[in-house]
Amino acid sequence: MDAFSVALTVVAMLAVAAAILLFERKRARGIEHDLREQATLHAHDRPDGHHDRHPEDRSEDR
């Protein structure tokens, strides 16, 4: 391989990596939005106003 081919390969690999990172950021924001919406809906479904917590987070049980 000559220098031009190596440089072109590196540029192509960087472009693919950048595209993947941009796609994953958009996907992660979508997942975060969906989880926040689901948590809000779940909180509104509970008439007593209490939220479910992980058992390890319950300080009054210790």
C-alpha atoms as a PDB file:
ATOM      1  CA  MET A   1       0.000   0.000   0.000  1.00  0.00           C
ATOM      2  CA  ASP A   2       1.226   3.428  -0.782  1.00  0.00           C
ATOM      3  CA  ALA A   3       0.822   6.432   1.504  1.00  0.00           C
ATOM      4  CA  PHE A   4      -2.303   7.649  -0.293  1.00  0.00           C
ATOM      5  CA  SER A   5      -4.114   4.340   0.239  1.00  0.00           C
ATOM      6  CA  VAL A   6      -3.198   4.273   3.920  1.00  0.00           C
ATOM      7  CA  ALA A   7      -4.359   7.863   4.405  1.00  0.00           C
ATOM      8  CA  LEU A   8      -7.607   7.172   2.551  1.00  0.00           C
ATOM      9  CA  THR A   9      -8.235   4.079   4.676  1.00  0.00           C
ATOM     10  CA  VAL A  10      -7.640   6.022   7.907  1.00  0.00           C
ATOM     11  CA  VAL A  11      -9.973   8.834   6.798  1.00  0.00           C
ATOM     12  CA  ALA A  12     -12.674   6.317   5.864  1.00  0.00           C
ATOM     13  CA  MET A  13     -12.346   4.557   9.226  1.00  0.00           C
ATOM     14  CA  LEU A  14     -12.591   7.881  11.091  1.00  0.00           C
ATOM     15  CA  ALA A  15     -15.688   8.834   9.094  1.00  0.00           C
ATOM     16  CA  VAL A  16     -17.368   5.528   9.936  1.00  0.00           C
ATOM     17  CA  ALA A  17     -16.474   5.913  13.630  1.00  0.00           C
ATOM     18  CA  ALA A  18     -17.874   9.463  13.696  1.00  0.00           C
ATOM     19  CA  ALA A  19     -21.101   8.327  12.012  1.00  0.00           C
ATOM     20  CA  ILE A  20     -21.536   5.516  14.541  1.00  0.00           C
ATOM     21  CA  LEU A  21     -20.952   7.863  17.479  1.00  0.00           C
ATOM     22  CA  LEU A  22     -23.448  10.408  16.162  1.00  0.00           C
ATOM     23  CA  PHE A  23     -26.067   7.701  15.597  1.00  0.00           C
ATOM     24  CA  GLU A  24     -25.565   6.254  19.074  1.00  0.00           C
ATOM     25  CA  ARG A  25     -25.880   9.694  20.707  1.00  0.00           C
ATOM     26  CA  LYS A  26     -29.232  10.241  18.982  1.00  0.00           C
ATOM     27  CA  ARG A  27     -30.368   6.758  19.973  1.00  0.00           C
ATOM     28  CA  ALA A  28     -29.261   7.258  23.595  1.00  0.00           C
ATOM     29  CA  ARG A  29     -31.191  10.528  23.821  1.00  0.00           C
ATOM     30  CA  GLY A  30     -34.270   8.775  22.475  1.00  0.00           C
ATOM     31  CA  ILE A  31     -33.950   5.998  25.041  1.00  0.00           C
ATOM     32  CA  GLU A  32     -33.447   8.537  27.841  1.00  0.00           C
ATOM     33  CA  HIS A  33     -36.559  10.429  26.724  1.00  0.00           C
ATOM     34  CA  ASP A  34     -38.617   7.224  26.594  1.00  0.00           C
ATOM     35  CA  LEU A  35     -37.468   6.157  30.065  1.00  0.00           C
ATOM     36  CA  ARG A  36     -38.242   9.572  31.529  1.00  0.00           C
ATOM     37  CA  GLU A  37     -41.713   9.489  29.948  1.00  0.00           C
ATOM     38  CA  GLN A  38     -42.322   5.967  31.238  1.00  0.00           C
ATOM     39  CA  ALA A  39     -41.250   6.951  34.766  1.00  0.00           C
ATOM     40  CA  THR A  40     -43.559   9.957  34.699  1.00  0.00           C
ATOM     41  CA  LEU A  41     -46.493   7.840  33.566  1.00  0.00           C
ATOM     42  CA  HIS A  42     -45.706   5.241  36.222  1.00  0.00           C
ATOM     43  CA  ALA A  43     -45.601   7.905  38.941  1.00  0.00           C
ATOM     44  CA  HIS A  44     -49.020   9.201  37.862  1.00  0.00           C
ATOM     45  CA  ASP A  45     -50.475   5.677  38.035  1.00  0.00           C
ATOM     46  CA  ARG A  46     -49.737   5.421  41.770  1.00  0.00           C
ATOM     47  CA  PRO A  47     -52.548   7.084  43.721  1.00  0.00           C
ATOM     48  CA  ASP A  48     -50.588   7.249  46.983  1.00  0.00           C
ATOM     49  CA  GLY A  49     -47.829   9.327  45.406  1.00  0.00           C
ATOM     50  CA  HIS A  50     -45.084   6.913  46.421  1.00  0.00           C
ATOM     51  CA  HIS A  51     -42.502   5.865  43.900  1.00  0.00           C
ATOM     52  CA  ASP A  52     -41.053   2.409  43.580  1.00  0.00           C
ATOM     53  CA  ARG A  53     -37.466   2.291  44.737  1.00  0.00           C
ATOM     54  CA  HIS A  54     -34.812  -0.349  44.602  1.00  0.00           C
ATOM     55  CA  PRO A  55     -34.739  -2.331  47.889  1.00  0.00           C
ATOM     56  CA  GLU A  56     -31.158  -1.250  48.562  1.00  0.00           C
ATOM     57  CA  ASP A  57     -32.221   2.415  48.396  1.00  0.00           C
ATOM     58  CA  ARG A  58     -34.696   2.176  51.257  1.00  0.00           C
ATOM     59  CA  SER A  59     -33.048   3.842  54.209  1.00  0.00           C
ATOM     60  CA  GLU A  60     -35.944   3.202  56.609  1.00  0.00           C
ATOM     61  CA  ASP A  61     -35.490  -0.578  56.254  1.00  0.00           C
ATOM     62  CA  ARG A  62     -31.993  -0.508  57.751  1.00  0.00           C
END
